[in-house]
Amino acid sequence: MKVGLYSNARRDSGYKTRNRLASLFAEHSVLCETEEEYFADCEIIISLGGDGTFLSLAHLENAREKLCIGLNLGSVGFLTEFEPADMENAVKKIVQKDFEIEERMMIKMSLYDDEGKLLLESEALNDVVVMRDAGSRIITTDVSIDEMHVEQIPGDGLIVATPTGSTAYSLAAGGPIVHPSMDVFVITPICPHTLHNRSYLAPGGAKIELRLNDSDSYPVVSADGKKSHKFGQGRIRIERSPRYFKMIRLFGDRFYQRLPQKIQERGMNR
């Protein structure tokens, strides 16, 4: 077995935690790689940082199709699996392969211009967000699901989230909490200028299309907040990615057990 250690230098000062983790694996004769270029040869990748660091693994080319797990060095760690105090036990379970593999749904996002030319393709583990640019007026988004028009939503934008992303930005915008094993999209308006503020749940096999209803608006679209693209008249097609993100669970499904604690910690750390 070979393990990749993907450490956030801002969270792991002097890489002390990474080095300690590598030493623990060495005691079990497991080699650790710390350079991203060698992650393609690893079976498991461990992120050391917060949720942002862990999300980065979903976009790291050499981590594609690898088993991923997070060591929490952040303020909340909703996506991470274990804390520094649990490192010895976690290493033993990983070496013995005493864990479950949880496959998380991902989004495929395709951005087209008004002539149908493909401008951008990206994937997201959490969400795709369409948002008005700073200083611009509200935008009106036409939402269609499986080629059926659903609604025009004026406001600051729209979030299309996976179940994993339902506890992130979508939750802050008033969206529902969805168990990560479910196969659905969560469509949540951002500060809508309407008398209602409702989210939509669409099945994971649905094709979602977003269009702008204002020729003067130039919103920004991003996938997991990692890649942003400003666009004008065009459309965004959102569907389930053929790729699933593979997460290691050392302690089983603790989603509902950890949920209130993590949400409370997130509020206290703002």
C-alpha atoms as a PDB file:
ATOM      1  CA  MET A   1       0.000   0.000   0.000  1.00  0.00           C
ATOM      2  CA  LYS A   2       1.121   3.554  -0.764  1.00  0.00           C
ATOM      3  CA  VAL A   3      -0.580   6.606   0.787  1.00  0.00           C
ATOM      4  CA  GLY A   4      -0.552  10.195  -0.448  1.00  0.00           C
ATOM      5  CA  LEU A   5      -0.532  13.019   2.116  1.00  0.00           C
ATOM      6  CA  TYR A   6      -2.109  16.237   0.805  1.00  0.00           C
ATOM      7  CA  SER A   7      -1.400  18.877   3.435  1.00  0.00           C
ATOM      8  CA  ASN A   8      -2.526  22.505   3.652  1.00  0.00           C
ATOM      9  CA  ALA A   9       0.567  24.466   4.724  1.00  0.00           C
ATOM     10  CA  ARG A  10      -1.579  27.182   6.292  1.00  0.00           C
ATOM     11  CA  ARG A  11      -3.267  24.648   8.549  1.00  0.00           C
ATOM     12  CA  ASP A  12      -0.277  22.381   9.115  1.00  0.00           C
ATOM     13  CA  SER A  13       2.520  24.685  10.268  1.00  0.00           C
ATOM     14  CA  GLY A  14       5.898  23.283   9.311  1.00  0.00           C
ATOM     15  CA  TYR A  15       4.080  20.138   8.163  1.00  0.00           C
ATOM     16  CA  LYS A  16       4.350  18.789  11.692  1.00  0.00           C
ATOM     17  CA  THR A  17       1.101  16.828  11.524  1.00  0.00           C
ATOM     18  CA  ARG A  18       1.932  15.465   8.085  1.00  0.00           C
ATOM     19  CA  ASN A  19       5.326  14.273   9.288  1.00  0.00           C
ATOM     20  CA  ARG A  20       3.782  12.659  12.359  1.00  0.00           C
ATOM     21  CA  LEU A  21       1.230  10.882  10.199  1.00  0.00           C
ATOM     22  CA  ALA A  22       3.959   9.658   7.842  1.00  0.00           C
ATOM     23  CA  SER A  23       5.885   8.290  10.843  1.00  0.00           C
ATOM     24  CA  LEU A  24       2.844   6.365  12.027  1.00  0.00           C
ATOM     25  CA  PHE A  25       2.419   4.784   8.592  1.00  0.00           C
ATOM     26  CA  ALA A  26       6.152   3.980   8.474  1.00  0.00           C
ATOM     27  CA  GLU A  27       5.713   1.918  11.650  1.00  0.00           C
ATOM     28  CA  HIS A  28       3.445  -0.313   9.553  1.00  0.00           C
ATOM     29  CA  SER A  29       5.914  -0.339   6.607  1.00  0.00           C
ATOM     30  CA  VAL A  30       3.608   1.868   4.529  1.00  0.00           C
ATOM     31  CA  LEU A  31       5.247   4.393   2.215  1.00  0.00           C
ATOM     32  CA  CYS A  32       3.813   7.911   2.066  1.00  0.00           C
ATOM     33  CA  GLU A  33       4.079  10.350  -0.840  1.00  0.00           C
ATOM     34  CA  THR A  34       3.850  14.084  -0.189  1.00  0.00           C
ATOM     35  CA  GLU A  35       4.251  15.377  -3.763  1.00  0.00           C
ATOM     36  CA  GLU A  36       1.078  15.626  -5.852  1.00  0.00           C
ATOM     37  CA  GLU A  37       2.848  14.354  -8.974  1.00  0.00           C
ATOM     38  CA  TYR A  38       3.234  10.926  -7.316  1.00  0.00           C
ATOM     39  CA  PHE A  39      -0.351  10.622  -6.052  1.00  0.00           C
ATOM     40  CA  ALA A  40      -1.301   8.675  -9.178  1.00  0.00           C
ATOM     41  CA  ASP A  41       0.689   5.754  -7.751  1.00  0.00           C
ATOM     42  CA  CYS A  42      -1.128   5.864  -4.397  1.00  0.00           C
ATOM     43  CA  GLU A  43      -4.111   3.805  -3.351  1.00  0.00           C
ATOM     44  CA  ILE A  44      -5.334   6.253  -0.718  1.00  0.00           C
ATOM     45  CA  ILE A  45      -5.033  10.043  -0.441  1.00  0.00           C
ATOM     46  CA  ILE A  46      -5.355  11.778   2.935  1.00  0.00           C
ATOM     47  CA  SER A  47      -6.034  15.500   3.083  1.00  0.00           C
ATOM     48  CA  LEU A  48      -4.735  17.426   6.100  1.00  0.00           C
ATOM     49  CA  GLY A  49      -6.714  20.622   6.512  1.00  0.00           C
ATOM     50  CA  GLY A  50     -10.326  21.752   6.518  1.00  0.00           C
ATOM     51  CA  ASP A  51     -13.261  21.159   4.199  1.00  0.00           C
ATOM     52  CA  GLY A  52     -11.724  23.373   1.504  1.00  0.00           C
ATOM     53  CA  THR A  53      -8.595  21.237   1.425  1.00  0.00           C
ATOM     54  CA  PHE A  54     -10.669  18.081   1.208  1.00  0.00           C
ATOM     55  CA  LEU A  55     -12.802  19.526  -1.598  1.00  0.00           C
ATOM     56  CA  SER A  56      -9.613  20.221  -3.539  1.00  0.00           C
ATOM     57  CA  LEU A  57      -9.042  16.469  -3.811  1.00  0.00           C
ATOM     58  CA  ALA A  58     -12.151  16.199  -5.986  1.00  0.00           C
ATOM     59  CA  HIS A  59     -10.443  18.536  -8.472  1.00  0.00           C
ATOM     60  CA  LEU A  60      -6.925  17.119  -8.250  1.00  0.00           C
ATOM     61  CA  GLU A  61      -6.111  15.210 -11.427  1.00  0.00           C
ATOM     62  CA  ASN A  62      -3.739  12.731  -9.754  1.00  0.00           C
ATOM     63  CA  ALA A  63      -6.324  11.952  -7.078  1.00  0.00           C
ATOM     64  CA  ARG A  64      -9.049  10.905  -9.517  1.00  0.00           C
ATOM     65  CA  GLU A  65     -10.558   7.521  -8.734  1.00  0.00           C
ATOM     66  CA  LYS A  66      -8.501   7.250  -5.538  1.00  0.00           C
ATOM     67  CA  LEU A  67      -9.895   6.510  -2.086  1.00  0.00           C
ATOM     68  CA  CYS A  68      -9.886   9.777  -0.131  1.00  0.00           C
ATOM     69  CA  ILE A  69     -10.154  10.618   3.549  1.00  0.00           C
ATOM     70  CA  GLY A  70      -9.706  13.831   5.509  1.00  0.00           C
ATOM     71  CA  LEU A  71      -7.826  14.627   8.717  1.00  0.00           C
ATOM     72  CA  ASN A  72      -9.433  17.734  10.200  1.00  0.00           C
ATOM     73  CA  LEU A  73      -7.092  20.656  10.840  1.00  0.00           C
ATOM     74  CA  GLY A  74      -9.796  23.241  10.097  1.00  0.00           C
ATOM     75  CA  SER A  75     -12.367  24.993  12.220  1.00  0.00           C
ATOM     76  CA  VAL A  76     -15.305  22.660  11.446  1.00  0.00           C
ATOM     77  CA  GLY A  77     -14.376  19.725   9.216  1.00  0.00           C
ATOM     78  CA  PHE A  78     -17.791  18.657   7.952  1.00  0.00           C
ATOM     79  CA  LEU A  79     -16.273  16.487   5.221  1.00  0.00           C
ATOM     80  CA  THR A  80     -13.262  15.209   7.140  1.00  0.00           C
ATOM     81  CA  GLU A  81     -13.335  11.876   8.971  1.00  0.00           C
ATOM     82  CA  PHE A  82     -10.958  12.076  11.920  1.00  0.00           C
ATOM     83  CA  GLU A  83      -9.134  14.476  14.244  1.00  0.00           C
ATOM     84  CA  PRO A  84      -5.404  14.653  15.104  1.00  0.00           C
ATOM     85  CA  ALA A  85      -6.100  12.921  18.432  1.00  0.00           C
ATOM     86  CA  ASP A  86      -7.403   9.897  16.478  1.00  0.00           C
ATOM     87  CA  MET A  87      -4.401   9.525  14.168  1.00  0.00           C
ATOM     88  CA  GLU A  88      -2.974   6.304  15.631  1.00  0.00           C
ATOM     89  CA  ASN A  89      -6.316   4.514  15.558  1.00  0.00           C
ATOM     90  CA  ALA A  90      -7.067   5.864  12.067  1.00  0.00           C
ATOM     91  CA  VAL A  91      -3.730   4.661  10.689  1.00  0.00           C
ATOM     92  CA  LYS A  92      -4.299   1.165  12.087  1.00  0.00           C
ATOM     93  CA  LYS A  93      -7.761   0.957  10.524  1.00  0.00           C
ATOM     94  CA  ILE A  94      -6.478   2.229   7.169  1.00  0.00           C
ATOM     95  CA  VAL A  95      -3.543  -0.212   7.105  1.00  0.00           C
ATOM     96  CA  GLN A  96      -5.846  -3.109   8.021  1.00  0.00           C
ATOM     97  CA  LYS A  97      -8.414  -1.858   5.482  1.00  0.00           C
ATOM     98  CA  ASP A  98     -10.957  -1.792   8.256  1.00  0.00           C
ATOM     99  CA  PHE A  99     -13.188   0.786   6.635  1.00  0.00           C
ATOM    100  CA  GLU A 100     -16.187   1.372   4.389  1.00  0.00           C
ATOM    101  CA  ILE A 101     -16.116   3.129   1.024  1.00  0.00           C
ATOM    102  CA  GLU A 102     -18.802   5.729   0.444  1.00  0.00           C
ATOM    103  CA  GLU A 103     -19.394   6.840  -3.136  1.00  0.00           C
ATOM    104  CA  ARG A 104     -20.557  10.446  -3.362  1.00  0.00           C
ATOM    105  CA  MET A 105     -22.508  11.823  -6.308  1.00  0.00           C
ATOM    106  CA  MET A 106     -20.763  14.541  -8.317  1.00  0.00           C
ATOM    107  CA  ILE A 107     -22.061  17.211 -10.703  1.00  0.00           C
ATOM    108  CA  LYS A 108     -21.022  17.709 -14.314  1.00  0.00           C
ATOM    109  CA  MET A 109     -21.438  21.321 -15.397  1.00  0.00           C
ATOM    110  CA  SER A 110     -21.285  22.485 -19.039  1.00  0.00           C
ATOM    111  CA  LEU A 111     -21.377  26.176 -19.951  1.00  0.00           C
ATOM    112  CA  TYR A 112     -22.480  27.206 -23.467  1.00  0.00           C
ATOM    113  CA  ASP A 113     -22.658  30.604 -25.140  1.00  0.00           C
ATOM    114  CA  ASP A 114     -25.796  31.870 -26.898  1.00  0.00           C
ATOM    115  CA  GLU A 115     -24.711  30.167 -30.127  1.00  0.00           C
ATOM    116  CA  GLY A 116     -24.358  26.778 -28.453  1.00  0.00           C
ATOM    117  CA  LYS A 117     -20.556  26.756 -28.315  1.00  0.00           C
ATOM    118  CA  LEU A 118     -19.119  24.919 -25.323  1.00  0.00           C
ATOM    119  CA  LEU A 119     -17.117  27.376 -23.200  1.00  0.00           C
ATOM    120  CA  LEU A 120     -16.336  25.397 -20.074  1.00  0.00           C
ATOM    121  CA  GLU A 121     -16.777  21.991 -18.501  1.00  0.00           C
ATOM    122  CA  SER A 122     -16.182  21.224 -14.856  1.00  0.00           C
ATOM    123  CA  GLU A 123     -17.140  18.868 -12.050  1.00  0.00           C
ATOM    124  CA  ALA A 124     -18.230  19.593  -8.509  1.00  0.00           C
ATOM    125  CA  LEU A 125     -18.563  17.552  -5.355  1.00  0.00           C
ATOM    126  CA  ASN A 126     -20.499  20.218  -3.451  1.00  0.00           C
ATOM    127  CA  ASP A 127     -22.264  22.586  -5.815  1.00  0.00           C
ATOM    128  CA  VAL A 128     -22.455  24.743  -8.904  1.00  0.00           C
ATOM    129  CA  VAL A 129     -23.295  28.367  -8.085  1.00  0.00           C
ATOM    130  CA  VAL A 130     -24.552  31.099 -10.406  1.00  0.00           C
ATOM    131  CA  MET A 131     -24.250  34.487  -8.749  1.00  0.00           C
ATOM    132  CA  ARG A 132     -24.485  38.115  -9.759  1.00  0.00           C
ATOM    133  CA  ASP A 133     -21.191  39.924  -9.957  1.00  0.00           C
ATOM    134  CA  ALA A 134     -20.262  42.419  -7.229  1.00  0.00           C
ATOM    135  CA  GLY A 135     -21.996  45.710  -7.785  1.00  0.00           C
ATOM    136  CA  SER A 136     -24.370  44.409 -10.477  1.00  0.00           C
ATOM    137  CA  ARG A 137     -28.145  44.310 -10.204  1.00  0.00           C
ATOM    138  CA  ILE A 138     -30.237  41.238  -9.539  1.00  0.00           C
ATOM    139  CA  ILE A 139     -30.319  38.472 -12.124  1.00  0.00           C
ATOM    140  CA  THR A 140     -33.283  36.434 -13.289  1.00  0.00           C
ATOM    141  CA  THR A 141     -32.580  32.773 -13.902  1.00  0.00           C
ATOM    142  CA  ASP A 142     -34.804  30.509 -15.967  1.00  0.00           C
ATOM    143  CA  VAL A 143     -34.798  26.997 -14.512  1.00  0.00           C
ATOM    144  CA  SER A 144     -35.713  23.953 -16.612  1.00  0.00           C
ATOM    145  CA  ILE A 145     -35.631  20.312 -15.555  1.00  0.00           C
ATOM    146  CA  ASP A 146     -35.661  17.613 -18.234  1.00  0.00           C
ATOM    147  CA  GLU A 147     -36.550  20.240 -20.854  1.00  0.00           C
ATOM    148  CA  MET A 148     -39.619  21.374 -18.898  1.00  0.00           C
ATOM    149  CA  HIS A 149     -39.644  24.994 -17.764  1.00  0.00           C
ATOM    150  CA  VAL A 150     -40.040  25.252 -13.990  1.00  0.00           C
ATOM    151  CA  GLU A 151     -39.706  28.862 -12.909  1.00  0.00           C
ATOM    152  CA  GLN A 152     -38.077  32.254 -13.409  1.00  0.00           C
ATOM    153  CA  ILE A 153     -36.221  33.222 -10.235  1.00  0.00           C
ATOM    154  CA  PRO A 154     -35.045  36.825  -9.741  1.00  0.00           C
ATOM    155  CA  GLY A 155     -32.451  37.376  -7.045  1.00  0.00           C
ATOM    156  CA  ASP A 156     -28.752  37.141  -6.327  1.00  0.00           C
ATOM    157  CA  GLY A 157     -28.369  33.766  -8.013  1.00  0.00           C
ATOM    158  CA  LEU A 158     -28.942  30.055  -7.693  1.00  0.00           C
ATOM    159  CA  ILE A 159     -27.233  27.018  -6.165  1.00  0.00           C
ATOM    160  CA  VAL A 160     -27.425  23.516  -7.605  1.00  0.00           C
ATOM    161  CA  ALA A 161     -26.013  21.186  -4.957  1.00  0.00           C
ATOM    162  CA  THR A 162     -25.353  17.500  -4.495  1.00  0.00           C
ATOM    163  CA  PRO A 163     -26.436  15.830  -1.244  1.00  0.00           C
ATOM    164  CA  THR A 164     -22.852  16.394  -0.042  1.00  0.00           C
ATOM    165  CA  GLY A 165     -23.228  20.108  -0.774  1.00  0.00           C
ATOM    166  CA  SER A 166     -26.641  20.347   0.897  1.00  0.00           C
ATOM    167  CA  THR A 167     -24.893  21.145   4.200  1.00  0.00           C
ATOM    168  CA  ALA A 168     -22.720  23.868   2.649  1.00  0.00           C
ATOM    169  CA  TYR A 169     -23.807  27.071   0.834  1.00  0.00           C
ATOM    170  CA  SER A 170     -27.222  25.615   0.020  1.00  0.00           C
ATOM    171  CA  LEU A 171     -27.963  25.167   3.728  1.00  0.00           C
ATOM    172  CA  ALA A 172     -26.971  28.781   4.451  1.00  0.00           C
ATOM    173  CA  ALA A 173     -29.353  29.895   1.678  1.00  0.00           C
ATOM    174  CA  GLY A 174     -32.250  28.027   3.309  1.00  0.00           C
ATOM    175  CA  GLY A 175     -32.034  24.716   1.480  1.00  0.00           C
ATOM    176  CA  PRO A 176     -32.861  21.317   3.000  1.00  0.00           C
ATOM    177  CA  ILE A 177     -30.401  18.929   4.626  1.00  0.00           C
ATOM    178  CA  VAL A 178     -30.071  15.781   2.517  1.00  0.00           C
ATOM    179  CA  HIS A 179     -28.341  12.559   3.510  1.00  0.00           C
ATOM    180  CA  PRO A 180     -25.228  12.081   1.319  1.00  0.00           C
ATOM    181  CA  SER A 181     -26.341   8.625   0.161  1.00  0.00           C
ATOM    182  CA  MET A 182     -29.359  10.057  -1.683  1.00  0.00           C
ATOM    183  CA  ASP A 183     -29.375  10.506  -5.451  1.00  0.00           C
ATOM    184  CA  VAL A 184     -30.852  13.983  -5.888  1.00  0.00           C
ATOM    185  CA  PHE A 185     -30.038  17.559  -6.866  1.00  0.00           C
ATOM    186  CA  VAL A 186     -30.931  20.410  -4.525  1.00  0.00           C
ATOM    187  CA  ILE A 187     -31.804  23.655  -6.357  1.00  0.00           C
ATOM    188  CA  THR A 188     -31.833  26.632  -3.984  1.00  0.00           C
ATOM    189  CA  PRO A 189     -32.312  30.346  -4.811  1.00  0.00           C
ATOM    190  CA  ILE A 190     -29.929  32.920  -3.301  1.00  0.00           C
ATOM    191  CA  CYS A 191     -31.803  35.876  -1.781  1.00  0.00           C
ATOM    192  CA  PRO A 192     -34.754  35.602  -4.207  1.00  0.00           C
ATOM    193  CA  HIS A 193     -36.773  38.765  -4.900  1.00  0.00           C
ATOM    194  CA  THR A 194     -40.083  36.920  -4.621  1.00  0.00           C
ATOM    195  CA  LEU A 195     -42.729  36.268  -2.015  1.00  0.00           C
ATOM    196  CA  HIS A 196     -41.565  32.692  -1.589  1.00  0.00           C
ATOM    197  CA  ASN A 197     -38.206  31.039  -1.113  1.00  0.00           C
ATOM    198  CA  ARG A 198     -38.406  27.357  -1.970  1.00  0.00           C
ATOM    199  CA  SER A 199     -35.833  24.780  -2.940  1.00  0.00           C
ATOM    200  CA  TYR A 200     -36.472  22.113  -5.545  1.00  0.00           C
ATOM    201  CA  LEU A 201     -35.348  18.500  -5.311  1.00  0.00           C
ATOM    202  CA  ALA A 202     -34.693  16.841  -8.656  1.00  0.00           C
ATOM    203  CA  PRO A 203     -33.758  13.189  -9.204  1.00  0.00           C
ATOM    204  CA  GLY A 204     -30.091  12.427  -9.807  1.00  0.00           C
ATOM    205  CA  GLY A 205     -30.798  11.398 -13.390  1.00  0.00           C
ATOM    206  CA  ALA A 206     -32.355  14.764 -14.253  1.00  0.00           C
ATOM    207  CA  LYS A 207     -30.915  17.255 -16.738  1.00  0.00           C
ATOM    208  CA  ILE A 208     -31.049  20.781 -15.338  1.00  0.00           C
ATOM    209  CA  GLU A 209     -30.691  23.860 -17.523  1.00  0.00           C
ATOM    210  CA  LEU A 210     -30.198  27.425 -16.326  1.00  0.00           C
ATOM    211  CA  ARG A 211     -30.604  30.451 -18.612  1.00  0.00           C
ATOM    212  CA  LEU A 212     -30.339  34.149 -17.967  1.00  0.00           C
ATOM    213  CA  ASN A 213     -33.361  36.334 -18.602  1.00  0.00           C
ATOM    214  CA  ASP A 214     -31.504  39.648 -18.788  1.00  0.00           C
ATOM    215  CA  SER A 215     -29.141  40.642 -21.591  1.00  0.00           C
ATOM    216  CA  ASP A 216     -27.392  43.204 -19.368  1.00  0.00           C
ATOM    217  CA  SER A 217     -26.403  40.741 -16.647  1.00  0.00           C
ATOM    218  CA  TYR A 218     -23.032  39.054 -16.506  1.00  0.00           C
ATOM    219  CA  PRO A 219     -23.074  36.671 -13.546  1.00  0.00           C
ATOM    220  CA  VAL A 220     -20.301  34.373 -12.385  1.00  0.00           C
ATOM    221  CA  VAL A 221     -20.602  30.583 -12.384  1.00  0.00           C
ATOM    222  CA  SER A 222     -18.350  28.432 -10.224  1.00  0.00           C
ATOM    223  CA  ALA A 223     -17.910  24.752  -9.361  1.00  0.00           C
ATOM    224  CA  ASP A 224     -17.125  24.138  -5.681  1.00  0.00           C
ATOM    225  CA  GLY A 225     -15.946  27.743  -5.549  1.00  0.00           C
ATOM    226  CA  LYS A 226     -12.715  26.625  -7.227  1.00  0.00           C
ATOM    227  CA  LYS A 227     -13.224  27.778 -10.803  1.00  0.00           C
ATOM    228  CA  SER A 228     -15.160  30.890 -11.743  1.00  0.00           C
ATOM    229  CA  HIS A 229     -16.252  32.043 -15.164  1.00  0.00           C
ATOM    230  CA  LYS A 230     -18.122  35.217 -16.078  1.00  0.00           C
ATOM    231  CA  PHE A 231     -20.647  34.830 -18.859  1.00  0.00           C
ATOM    232  CA  GLY A 232     -23.495  36.709 -20.527  1.00  0.00           C
ATOM    233  CA  GLN A 233     -26.191  35.251 -22.716  1.00  0.00           C
ATOM    234  CA  GLY A 234     -25.864  31.505 -22.631  1.00  0.00           C
ATOM    235  CA  ARG A 235     -26.970  28.444 -20.755  1.00  0.00           C
ATOM    236  CA  ILE A 236     -25.638  26.106 -18.127  1.00  0.00           C
ATOM    237  CA  ARG A 237     -26.357  22.396 -18.345  1.00  0.00           C
ATOM    238  CA  ILE A 238     -26.073  20.438 -15.122  1.00  0.00           C
ATOM    239  CA  GLU A 239     -26.254  16.672 -14.784  1.00  0.00           C
ATOM    240  CA  ARG A 240     -24.845  13.884 -12.684  1.00  0.00           C
ATOM    241  CA  SER A 241     -21.206  13.184 -13.433  1.00  0.00           C
ATOM    242  CA  PRO A 242     -20.353   9.613 -14.466  1.00  0.00           C
ATOM    243  CA  ARG A 243     -17.609   9.803 -11.819  1.00  0.00           C
ATOM    244  CA  TYR A 244     -18.306   9.269  -8.120  1.00  0.00           C
ATOM    245  CA  PHE A 245     -16.018  10.606  -5.412  1.00  0.00           C
ATOM    246  CA  LYS A 246     -14.854   7.739  -3.197  1.00  0.00           C
ATOM    247  CA  MET A 247     -14.616   8.586   0.505  1.00  0.00           C
ATOM    248  CA  ILE A 248     -13.305   6.342   3.261  1.00  0.00           C
ATOM    249  CA  ARG A 249     -15.466   5.971   6.348  1.00  0.00           C
ATOM    250  CA  LEU A 250     -13.593   4.590   9.364  1.00  0.00           C
ATOM    251  CA  PHE A 251     -16.453   4.763  11.848  1.00  0.00           C
ATOM    252  CA  GLY A 252     -19.540   4.037   9.767  1.00  0.00           C
ATOM    253  CA  ASP A 253     -22.360   6.440   8.944  1.00  0.00           C
ATOM    254  CA  ARG A 254     -22.292   9.190  11.583  1.00  0.00           C
ATOM    255  CA  PHE A 255     -24.045  11.830   9.462  1.00  0.00           C
ATOM    256  CA  TYR A 256     -26.993  12.577  11.755  1.00  0.00           C
ATOM    257  CA  GLN A 257     -24.846  12.158  14.868  1.00  0.00           C
ATOM    258  CA  ARG A 258     -22.286  14.740  13.724  1.00  0.00           C
ATOM    259  CA  LEU A 259     -24.730  17.099  11.999  1.00  0.00           C
ATOM    260  CA  PRO A 260     -25.872  19.262  14.951  1.00  0.00           C
ATOM    261  CA  GLN A 261     -22.352  19.472  16.385  1.00  0.00           C
ATOM    262  CA  LYS A 262     -20.778  20.553  13.097  1.00  0.00           C
ATOM    263  CA  ILE A 263     -23.491  23.110  12.320  1.00  0.00           C
ATOM    264  CA  GLN A 264     -23.093  24.599  15.794  1.00  0.00           C
ATOM    265  CA  GLU A 265     -19.304  24.756  15.376  1.00  0.00           C
ATOM    266  CA  ARG A 266     -19.703  26.422  11.986  1.00  0.00           C
ATOM    267  CA  GLY A 267     -21.884  29.133  13.553  1.00  0.00           C
ATOM    268  CA  MET A 268     -19.440  29.723  16.400  1.00  0.00           C
ATOM    269  CA  ASN A 269     -16.459  30.043  14.044  1.00  0.00           C
ATOM    270  CA  ARG A 270     -17.927  32.686  11.770  1.00  0.00           C
END
